[in-house]
N, C-alpha and C. Protein backbone atom coordinates (compact mmCIF):
# COMPACT_ATOMS: atom_id res chain seq x y z
N UNK A 1 7.89 12.84 -115.95
CA UNK A 1 6.92 11.83 -116.32
C UNK A 1 7.40 10.46 -115.85
N UNK A 2 6.63 9.83 -114.97
CA UNK A 2 6.98 8.51 -114.45
C UNK A 2 6.44 7.43 -115.37
N UNK A 3 7.22 6.41 -115.57
CA UNK A 3 6.82 5.23 -116.33
C UNK A 3 6.83 4.05 -115.38
N UNK A 4 6.24 2.96 -115.83
CA UNK A 4 6.17 1.77 -115.01
C UNK A 4 6.49 0.53 -115.83
N UNK A 5 7.11 -0.44 -115.18
CA UNK A 5 7.38 -1.71 -115.86
C UNK A 5 6.08 -2.43 -116.20
N UNK A 6 4.99 -2.05 -115.55
CA UNK A 6 3.69 -2.65 -115.86
C UNK A 6 3.17 -2.20 -117.23
N UNK A 7 3.82 -1.18 -117.80
CA UNK A 7 3.40 -0.66 -119.10
C UNK A 7 4.10 -1.28 -120.29
N UNK A 8 4.94 -2.27 -120.09
CA UNK A 8 5.61 -2.93 -121.20
C UNK A 8 6.83 -2.16 -121.68
N UNK A 9 7.96 -2.34 -121.01
CA UNK A 9 9.16 -1.55 -121.32
C UNK A 9 10.26 -2.36 -122.01
N UNK A 10 9.96 -3.58 -122.39
CA UNK A 10 10.92 -4.45 -123.09
C UNK A 10 10.15 -5.24 -124.13
N UNK A 11 10.86 -5.94 -125.00
CA UNK A 11 10.20 -6.80 -125.99
C UNK A 11 10.44 -8.27 -125.64
N UNK A 12 9.59 -9.12 -126.18
CA UNK A 12 9.78 -10.56 -125.98
C UNK A 12 11.12 -11.02 -126.56
N UNK A 13 11.49 -10.48 -127.71
CA UNK A 13 12.77 -10.86 -128.33
C UNK A 13 13.93 -10.49 -127.41
N UNK A 14 13.85 -9.34 -126.78
CA UNK A 14 14.89 -8.90 -125.87
C UNK A 14 14.95 -9.83 -124.65
N UNK A 15 13.80 -10.17 -124.10
CA UNK A 15 13.77 -11.08 -122.95
C UNK A 15 14.32 -12.45 -123.34
N UNK A 16 14.06 -12.89 -124.55
CA UNK A 16 14.60 -14.17 -125.01
C UNK A 16 16.12 -14.12 -125.11
N UNK A 17 16.67 -13.01 -125.59
CA UNK A 17 18.13 -12.86 -125.61
C UNK A 17 18.67 -12.84 -124.18
N UNK A 18 17.94 -12.17 -123.30
CA UNK A 18 18.35 -12.13 -121.90
C UNK A 18 18.37 -13.50 -121.26
N UNK A 19 17.43 -14.33 -121.64
CA UNK A 19 17.39 -15.70 -121.12
C UNK A 19 18.64 -16.46 -121.53
N UNK A 20 19.07 -16.28 -122.77
CA UNK A 20 20.28 -16.95 -123.27
C UNK A 20 21.50 -16.46 -122.47
N UNK A 21 21.60 -15.16 -122.27
CA UNK A 21 22.71 -14.60 -121.49
C UNK A 21 22.65 -15.12 -120.06
N UNK A 22 21.45 -15.11 -119.48
CA UNK A 22 21.25 -15.61 -118.12
C UNK A 22 21.76 -17.05 -118.01
N UNK A 23 21.34 -17.90 -118.95
CA UNK A 23 21.71 -19.31 -118.90
C UNK A 23 23.22 -19.51 -119.05
N UNK A 24 23.86 -18.68 -119.86
CA UNK A 24 25.29 -18.87 -120.10
C UNK A 24 26.18 -18.20 -119.05
N UNK A 25 25.69 -17.14 -118.39
CA UNK A 25 26.54 -16.39 -117.46
C UNK A 25 26.02 -16.41 -116.02
N UNK A 26 24.74 -16.24 -115.85
CA UNK A 26 24.18 -16.03 -114.50
C UNK A 26 23.76 -17.31 -113.78
N UNK A 27 23.28 -18.28 -114.55
CA UNK A 27 22.68 -19.48 -113.96
C UNK A 27 23.66 -20.34 -113.16
N UNK A 28 24.94 -20.16 -113.36
CA UNK A 28 25.90 -20.94 -112.58
C UNK A 28 25.91 -20.53 -111.11
N UNK A 29 25.45 -19.30 -110.82
CA UNK A 29 25.43 -18.81 -109.44
C UNK A 29 24.03 -18.50 -108.92
N UNK A 30 23.07 -18.27 -109.82
CA UNK A 30 21.74 -17.80 -109.43
C UNK A 30 20.64 -18.69 -109.99
N UNK A 31 19.52 -18.69 -109.29
CA UNK A 31 18.32 -19.36 -109.79
C UNK A 31 17.31 -18.30 -110.22
N UNK A 32 16.44 -18.67 -111.11
CA UNK A 32 15.39 -17.73 -111.51
C UNK A 32 14.45 -17.47 -110.34
N UNK A 33 14.27 -18.46 -109.47
CA UNK A 33 13.36 -18.31 -108.33
C UNK A 33 13.79 -17.18 -107.40
N UNK A 34 15.09 -17.03 -107.19
CA UNK A 34 15.54 -15.98 -106.28
C UNK A 34 15.36 -14.58 -106.86
N UNK A 35 15.05 -14.50 -108.14
CA UNK A 35 14.82 -13.20 -108.78
C UNK A 35 13.35 -12.98 -109.13
N UNK A 36 12.51 -13.79 -108.51
CA UNK A 36 11.07 -13.61 -108.71
C UNK A 36 10.29 -13.97 -107.45
N UNK A 37 11.00 -14.13 -106.33
CA UNK A 37 10.31 -14.49 -105.08
C UNK A 37 9.90 -13.23 -104.31
N UNK A 38 9.25 -13.43 -103.20
CA UNK A 38 8.74 -12.31 -102.40
C UNK A 38 9.85 -11.39 -101.90
N UNK A 39 11.01 -11.95 -101.59
CA UNK A 39 12.14 -11.14 -101.13
C UNK A 39 12.62 -10.20 -102.24
N UNK A 40 12.72 -10.73 -103.45
CA UNK A 40 13.11 -9.91 -104.60
C UNK A 40 12.11 -8.79 -104.83
N UNK A 41 10.83 -9.15 -104.81
CA UNK A 41 9.76 -8.17 -105.02
C UNK A 41 9.82 -7.08 -103.95
N UNK A 42 9.98 -7.48 -102.70
CA UNK A 42 10.03 -6.50 -101.61
C UNK A 42 11.22 -5.56 -101.75
N UNK A 43 12.35 -6.09 -102.22
CA UNK A 43 13.55 -5.26 -102.37
C UNK A 43 13.42 -4.26 -103.50
N UNK A 44 12.74 -4.65 -104.59
CA UNK A 44 12.74 -3.81 -105.80
C UNK A 44 11.44 -3.09 -106.09
N UNK A 45 10.36 -3.44 -105.44
CA UNK A 45 9.07 -2.76 -105.69
C UNK A 45 9.21 -1.26 -105.48
N UNK A 46 8.78 -0.49 -106.48
CA UNK A 46 8.77 0.96 -106.38
C UNK A 46 10.11 1.63 -106.67
N UNK A 47 11.14 0.85 -106.86
CA UNK A 47 12.46 1.42 -107.16
C UNK A 47 12.62 1.58 -108.67
N UNK A 48 13.57 2.36 -109.07
CA UNK A 48 13.75 2.64 -110.49
C UNK A 48 14.54 1.52 -111.18
N UNK A 49 14.32 1.43 -112.48
CA UNK A 49 15.12 0.48 -113.26
C UNK A 49 16.58 0.92 -113.29
N UNK A 50 16.83 2.21 -113.11
CA UNK A 50 18.22 2.67 -113.05
C UNK A 50 18.92 2.08 -111.83
N UNK A 51 18.25 2.07 -110.69
CA UNK A 51 18.84 1.47 -109.49
C UNK A 51 19.13 -0.02 -109.71
N UNK A 52 18.20 -0.69 -110.38
CA UNK A 52 18.37 -2.12 -110.65
C UNK A 52 19.54 -2.34 -111.61
N UNK A 53 19.59 -1.56 -112.67
CA UNK A 53 20.68 -1.65 -113.63
C UNK A 53 22.03 -1.41 -112.94
N UNK A 54 22.11 -0.36 -112.14
CA UNK A 54 23.37 -0.04 -111.45
C UNK A 54 23.79 -1.14 -110.50
N UNK A 55 22.81 -1.75 -109.84
CA UNK A 55 23.11 -2.86 -108.94
C UNK A 55 23.72 -4.02 -109.72
N UNK A 56 23.10 -4.37 -110.83
CA UNK A 56 23.64 -5.47 -111.65
C UNK A 56 25.01 -5.12 -112.21
N UNK A 57 25.13 -3.90 -112.75
CA UNK A 57 26.38 -3.48 -113.39
C UNK A 57 27.55 -3.48 -112.42
N UNK A 58 27.31 -3.06 -111.20
CA UNK A 58 28.41 -2.94 -110.24
C UNK A 58 28.72 -4.23 -109.47
N UNK A 59 27.84 -5.23 -109.58
CA UNK A 59 28.07 -6.47 -108.81
C UNK A 59 28.10 -7.75 -109.64
N UNK A 60 27.68 -7.69 -110.89
CA UNK A 60 27.58 -8.90 -111.70
C UNK A 60 28.30 -8.76 -113.03
N UNK A 61 28.85 -9.84 -113.53
CA UNK A 61 29.02 -11.13 -112.88
C UNK A 61 29.96 -11.01 -111.67
N UNK A 62 29.72 -11.88 -110.70
CA UNK A 62 30.46 -11.79 -109.43
C UNK A 62 31.97 -11.79 -109.63
N UNK A 63 32.44 -12.57 -110.60
CA UNK A 63 33.89 -12.68 -110.78
C UNK A 63 34.47 -11.56 -111.64
N UNK A 64 33.62 -10.73 -112.26
CA UNK A 64 34.11 -9.65 -113.12
C UNK A 64 33.01 -8.62 -113.39
N UNK A 65 32.57 -7.89 -112.35
CA UNK A 65 31.46 -6.95 -112.50
C UNK A 65 31.69 -5.92 -113.61
N UNK A 66 30.59 -5.58 -114.28
CA UNK A 66 30.62 -4.54 -115.30
C UNK A 66 31.16 -4.96 -116.64
N UNK A 67 31.38 -6.25 -116.84
CA UNK A 67 32.02 -6.69 -118.08
C UNK A 67 31.04 -7.08 -119.19
N UNK A 68 29.76 -7.13 -118.89
CA UNK A 68 28.81 -7.37 -119.97
C UNK A 68 28.60 -6.07 -120.74
N UNK A 69 28.12 -6.18 -121.96
CA UNK A 69 27.79 -4.97 -122.71
C UNK A 69 26.50 -4.37 -122.14
N UNK A 70 26.26 -3.10 -122.42
CA UNK A 70 25.01 -2.48 -121.97
C UNK A 70 23.82 -3.25 -122.50
N UNK A 71 23.89 -3.69 -123.76
CA UNK A 71 22.80 -4.47 -124.34
C UNK A 71 22.57 -5.76 -123.57
N UNK A 72 23.63 -6.43 -123.17
CA UNK A 72 23.47 -7.67 -122.41
C UNK A 72 22.81 -7.41 -121.06
N UNK A 73 23.22 -6.35 -120.38
CA UNK A 73 22.57 -6.01 -119.11
C UNK A 73 21.09 -5.70 -119.33
N UNK A 74 20.77 -4.95 -120.36
CA UNK A 74 19.37 -4.62 -120.65
C UNK A 74 18.58 -5.88 -120.99
N UNK A 75 19.19 -6.78 -121.75
CA UNK A 75 18.52 -8.04 -122.10
C UNK A 75 18.25 -8.88 -120.85
N UNK A 76 19.21 -8.96 -119.95
CA UNK A 76 19.02 -9.72 -118.72
C UNK A 76 17.92 -9.08 -117.87
N UNK A 77 17.91 -7.76 -117.79
CA UNK A 77 16.85 -7.08 -117.05
C UNK A 77 15.50 -7.39 -117.68
N UNK A 78 15.42 -7.37 -119.01
CA UNK A 78 14.17 -7.71 -119.69
C UNK A 78 13.73 -9.12 -119.32
N UNK A 79 14.67 -10.05 -119.29
CA UNK A 79 14.36 -11.42 -118.90
C UNK A 79 13.82 -11.48 -117.47
N UNK A 80 14.43 -10.72 -116.58
CA UNK A 80 13.99 -10.71 -115.19
C UNK A 80 12.59 -10.08 -115.06
N UNK A 81 12.32 -9.06 -115.85
CA UNK A 81 10.98 -8.47 -115.84
C UNK A 81 9.95 -9.50 -116.31
N UNK A 82 10.33 -10.24 -117.34
CA UNK A 82 9.43 -11.29 -117.85
C UNK A 82 9.23 -12.38 -116.79
N UNK A 83 10.28 -12.75 -116.08
CA UNK A 83 10.17 -13.73 -114.99
C UNK A 83 9.12 -13.30 -113.97
N UNK A 84 9.02 -11.99 -113.77
CA UNK A 84 8.09 -11.44 -112.80
C UNK A 84 6.75 -11.08 -113.43
N UNK A 85 6.50 -11.62 -114.58
CA UNK A 85 5.22 -11.48 -115.30
C UNK A 85 4.86 -10.04 -115.63
N UNK A 86 5.87 -9.24 -115.85
CA UNK A 86 5.61 -7.89 -116.33
C UNK A 86 5.44 -7.99 -117.85
N UNK A 87 4.49 -7.27 -118.40
CA UNK A 87 4.20 -7.44 -119.83
C UNK A 87 5.29 -6.89 -120.74
N UNK A 88 5.42 -7.52 -121.89
CA UNK A 88 6.31 -7.01 -122.93
C UNK A 88 5.60 -5.87 -123.64
N UNK A 89 6.38 -5.05 -124.31
CA UNK A 89 5.84 -3.94 -125.07
C UNK A 89 6.38 -3.95 -126.49
N UNK A 90 6.28 -2.82 -127.15
CA UNK A 90 6.67 -2.71 -128.55
C UNK A 90 8.13 -2.29 -128.74
N UNK A 91 8.73 -1.69 -127.71
CA UNK A 91 10.10 -1.19 -127.84
C UNK A 91 11.02 -1.87 -126.84
N UNK A 92 12.28 -2.01 -127.25
CA UNK A 92 13.27 -2.62 -126.37
C UNK A 92 13.68 -1.66 -125.26
N UNK A 93 14.03 -2.23 -124.13
CA UNK A 93 14.58 -1.49 -123.01
C UNK A 93 15.99 -1.06 -123.40
N UNK A 94 16.28 0.21 -123.22
CA UNK A 94 17.59 0.74 -123.58
C UNK A 94 18.30 1.29 -122.36
N UNK A 95 19.62 1.37 -122.45
CA UNK A 95 20.43 1.90 -121.36
C UNK A 95 20.45 3.42 -121.41
N UNK A 96 19.28 4.00 -121.31
CA UNK A 96 19.08 5.45 -121.30
C UNK A 96 18.88 5.85 -119.84
N UNK A 97 19.86 6.53 -119.27
CA UNK A 97 19.84 6.86 -117.84
C UNK A 97 18.56 7.56 -117.41
N UNK A 98 18.13 8.55 -118.16
CA UNK A 98 16.93 9.29 -117.79
C UNK A 98 15.69 8.41 -117.84
N UNK A 99 15.55 7.62 -118.90
CA UNK A 99 14.38 6.74 -119.02
C UNK A 99 14.38 5.68 -117.92
N UNK A 100 15.55 5.11 -117.62
CA UNK A 100 15.63 4.10 -116.57
C UNK A 100 15.31 4.72 -115.21
N UNK A 101 15.76 5.96 -114.99
CA UNK A 101 15.49 6.64 -113.73
C UNK A 101 13.99 6.90 -113.56
N UNK A 102 13.31 7.17 -114.65
CA UNK A 102 11.89 7.50 -114.60
C UNK A 102 10.98 6.26 -114.59
N UNK A 103 11.57 5.09 -114.78
CA UNK A 103 10.76 3.87 -114.86
C UNK A 103 10.80 3.12 -113.53
N UNK A 104 9.64 2.96 -112.94
CA UNK A 104 9.50 2.32 -111.64
C UNK A 104 9.16 0.84 -111.81
N UNK A 105 9.77 0.03 -110.97
CA UNK A 105 9.45 -1.40 -110.98
C UNK A 105 8.14 -1.62 -110.22
N UNK A 106 7.15 -2.07 -110.93
CA UNK A 106 5.85 -2.35 -110.34
C UNK A 106 5.50 -3.81 -110.60
N UNK A 107 5.10 -4.47 -109.56
CA UNK A 107 4.76 -5.89 -109.65
C UNK A 107 3.25 -6.02 -109.54
N UNK A 108 2.70 -7.05 -110.16
CA UNK A 108 1.24 -7.20 -110.23
C UNK A 108 0.59 -7.47 -108.88
N UNK A 109 1.22 -8.26 -108.05
CA UNK A 109 0.67 -8.60 -106.74
C UNK A 109 1.80 -8.58 -105.71
N UNK A 110 1.49 -8.64 -104.43
CA UNK A 110 2.56 -8.60 -103.42
C UNK A 110 3.65 -9.64 -103.61
N UNK A 111 3.33 -10.81 -104.11
CA UNK A 111 4.33 -11.84 -104.33
C UNK A 111 4.95 -11.75 -105.70
N UNK A 112 4.55 -10.77 -106.50
CA UNK A 112 5.08 -10.61 -107.83
C UNK A 112 4.34 -11.40 -108.88
N UNK A 113 3.34 -12.13 -108.48
CA UNK A 113 2.61 -12.99 -109.42
C UNK A 113 1.27 -12.43 -109.77
């Protein structure tokens, strides 16, 4: 059973926590624009949330990859989904390998907007 980020796979509260983590850890090296522009959309459209999670886990933070908690990674992903105007849902995004593998990143329009 395939799921989609267009179906609301995170909560607003989770995205808000992700924003705090983003601002304290990620914003020193990254902008929100680079994670919601056409290049980002082209790279991640149709790929699984598991691939996205693994990419973040193995490369971020740049100075110490894999050091955030699973919850922090999920919160940051929720924030990034919100940046791309994907709707929030009733349940939080969890670090469940099977669920993440089955969930496809779908953007509303070609530019992600």
